[in-house]
Amino acid sequence: MLHTALLLISSLTALTAAQVSSQCAPGDSEIVCCNMVQSAYVVPNLLSTTGISNAAAADLGLVGLTCTTLTVIGLGKSCATKQMPLCCTDNNYNGTISLGCSYINPMLP
């Protein structure tokens, strides 16, 4: 009975992660969990951190701040309670800033 319950929970978690992944094109973008999401116009030090001006970053989408990567395999299959799941195209700033972000709905396939 316990084995069946654990298998069901594992399957549902994997299904939810797979559904979220389908909203974020692999290779071009990545699912991240961010503590804050803002318009690029109001993010301080964006140019010095990324080399991209606030105006240019605004054309890419939202900016995620203090982000971690959401993985489908292993631990960390969901965002922490206060984090927001985002699909971002540029995550090369050590989790400080993620650019080109858009909200994703974990309830949609």
Protein backbone atom coordinates (compact mmCIF):
# COMPACT_ATOMS: atom_id res chain seq x y z
CA MET A 1 0.00 0.00 0.00
CA LEU A 2 2.76 2.46 0.94
CA HIS A 3 4.69 1.51 -2.19
CA THR A 4 1.61 2.24 -4.34
CA ALA A 5 1.11 5.64 -2.68
CA LEU A 6 4.75 6.61 -3.21
CA LEU A 7 4.60 5.52 -6.84
CA LEU A 8 1.46 7.60 -7.40
CA ILE A 9 3.02 10.70 -5.81
CA SER A 10 6.20 10.28 -7.89
CA SER A 11 4.17 9.90 -11.07
CA LEU A 12 2.09 13.01 -10.38
CA THR A 13 5.18 15.08 -9.61
CA ALA A 14 6.88 13.97 -12.82
CA LEU A 15 3.70 14.66 -14.81
CA THR A 16 3.44 18.20 -13.40
CA ALA A 17 7.09 18.90 -14.20
CA ALA A 18 6.62 17.52 -17.72
CA GLN A 19 3.55 19.72 -18.25
CA VAL A 20 5.45 22.83 -17.19
CA SER A 21 8.39 21.84 -19.42
CA SER A 22 6.13 21.72 -22.47
CA GLN A 23 5.47 25.48 -22.08
CA CYS A 24 9.16 26.32 -22.24
CA ALA A 25 11.01 25.46 -25.47
CA PRO A 26 14.01 23.25 -24.64
CA GLY A 27 17.32 24.53 -25.95
CA ASP A 28 16.09 28.10 -26.34
CA SER A 29 14.96 28.65 -22.77
CA GLU A 30 14.98 27.17 -19.29
CA ILE A 31 12.52 26.88 -16.42
CA VAL A 32 13.69 28.78 -13.35
CA CYS A 33 12.21 29.60 -9.94
CA CYS A 34 12.72 33.25 -9.02
CA ASN A 35 12.24 35.16 -5.79
CA MET A 36 11.22 38.33 -7.65
CA VAL A 37 10.04 39.26 -11.13
CA GLN A 38 10.27 42.82 -12.43
CA SER A 39 10.23 44.89 -15.55
CA ALA A 40 13.76 45.49 -16.83
CA TYR A 41 13.24 49.24 -16.50
CA VAL A 42 13.26 49.08 -12.68
CA VAL A 43 16.11 46.59 -12.10
CA PRO A 44 19.15 48.39 -10.66
CA ASN A 45 22.63 47.53 -11.96
CA LEU A 46 21.28 45.56 -14.92
CA LEU A 47 23.84 46.99 -17.35
CA SER A 48 26.81 46.39 -15.05
CA THR A 49 25.70 42.81 -14.29
CA THR A 50 24.66 41.66 -17.77
CA GLY A 51 26.13 44.17 -20.20
CA ILE A 52 22.61 44.73 -21.52
CA SER A 53 20.84 48.07 -21.08
CA ASN A 54 17.50 48.19 -19.28
CA ALA A 55 15.75 49.27 -22.50
CA ALA A 56 17.23 46.38 -24.50
CA ALA A 57 16.40 43.88 -21.74
CA ALA A 58 12.81 45.14 -21.66
CA ASP A 59 12.43 44.04 -25.28
CA LEU A 60 13.34 40.49 -24.19
CA GLY A 61 10.62 40.20 -21.53
CA LEU A 62 10.56 40.21 -17.75
CA VAL A 63 13.62 39.94 -15.51
CA GLY A 64 13.79 37.26 -12.82
CA LEU A 65 15.88 38.01 -9.72
CA THR A 66 17.57 35.48 -7.44
CA CYS A 67 16.63 32.41 -9.48
CA THR A 68 17.34 28.70 -9.29
CA THR A 69 16.96 26.16 -12.08
CA LEU A 70 13.95 23.85 -11.95
CA THR A 71 15.03 20.30 -12.72
CA VAL A 72 12.79 17.44 -13.78
CA ILE A 73 15.15 14.69 -12.61
CA GLY A 74 16.01 14.20 -8.95
CA LEU A 75 15.27 16.64 -6.17
CA GLY A 76 13.98 20.14 -6.76
CA LYS A 77 11.00 19.33 -8.97
CA SER A 78 9.05 22.42 -7.96
CA CYS A 79 9.61 26.00 -6.90
CA ALA A 80 9.69 26.98 -3.26
CA THR A 81 6.46 28.43 -1.90
CA LYS A 82 7.34 32.09 -2.47
CA GLN A 83 9.16 31.58 -5.77
CA MET A 84 7.58 32.03 -9.19
CA PRO A 85 8.09 29.58 -12.05
CA LEU A 86 9.34 31.37 -15.15
CA CYS A 87 10.57 30.43 -18.59
CA CYS A 88 13.70 32.49 -19.31
CA THR A 89 15.96 32.67 -22.35
CA ASP A 90 19.13 34.05 -20.72
CA ASN A 91 20.18 32.57 -17.36
CA ASN A 92 23.94 33.04 -17.51
CA TYR A 93 24.33 35.36 -14.52
CA ASN A 94 24.88 32.89 -11.63
CA GLY A 95 21.26 33.00 -10.49
CA THR A 96 21.40 36.72 -9.81
CA ILE A 97 19.41 37.75 -12.89
CA SER A 98 17.52 35.83 -15.58
CA LEU A 99 16.52 37.72 -18.73
CA GLY A 100 13.81 37.18 -21.32
CA CYS A 101 11.39 35.67 -18.82
CA SER A 102 7.69 34.95 -19.10
CA TYR A 103 5.30 33.47 -16.57
CA ILE A 104 4.38 29.82 -16.95
CA ASN A 105 1.30 28.15 -15.58
CA PRO A 106 2.16 24.86 -13.84
CA MET A 107 -1.44 23.74 -14.32
CA LEU A 108 -1.33 23.85 -18.15
CA PRO A 109 0.23 21.23 -20.42
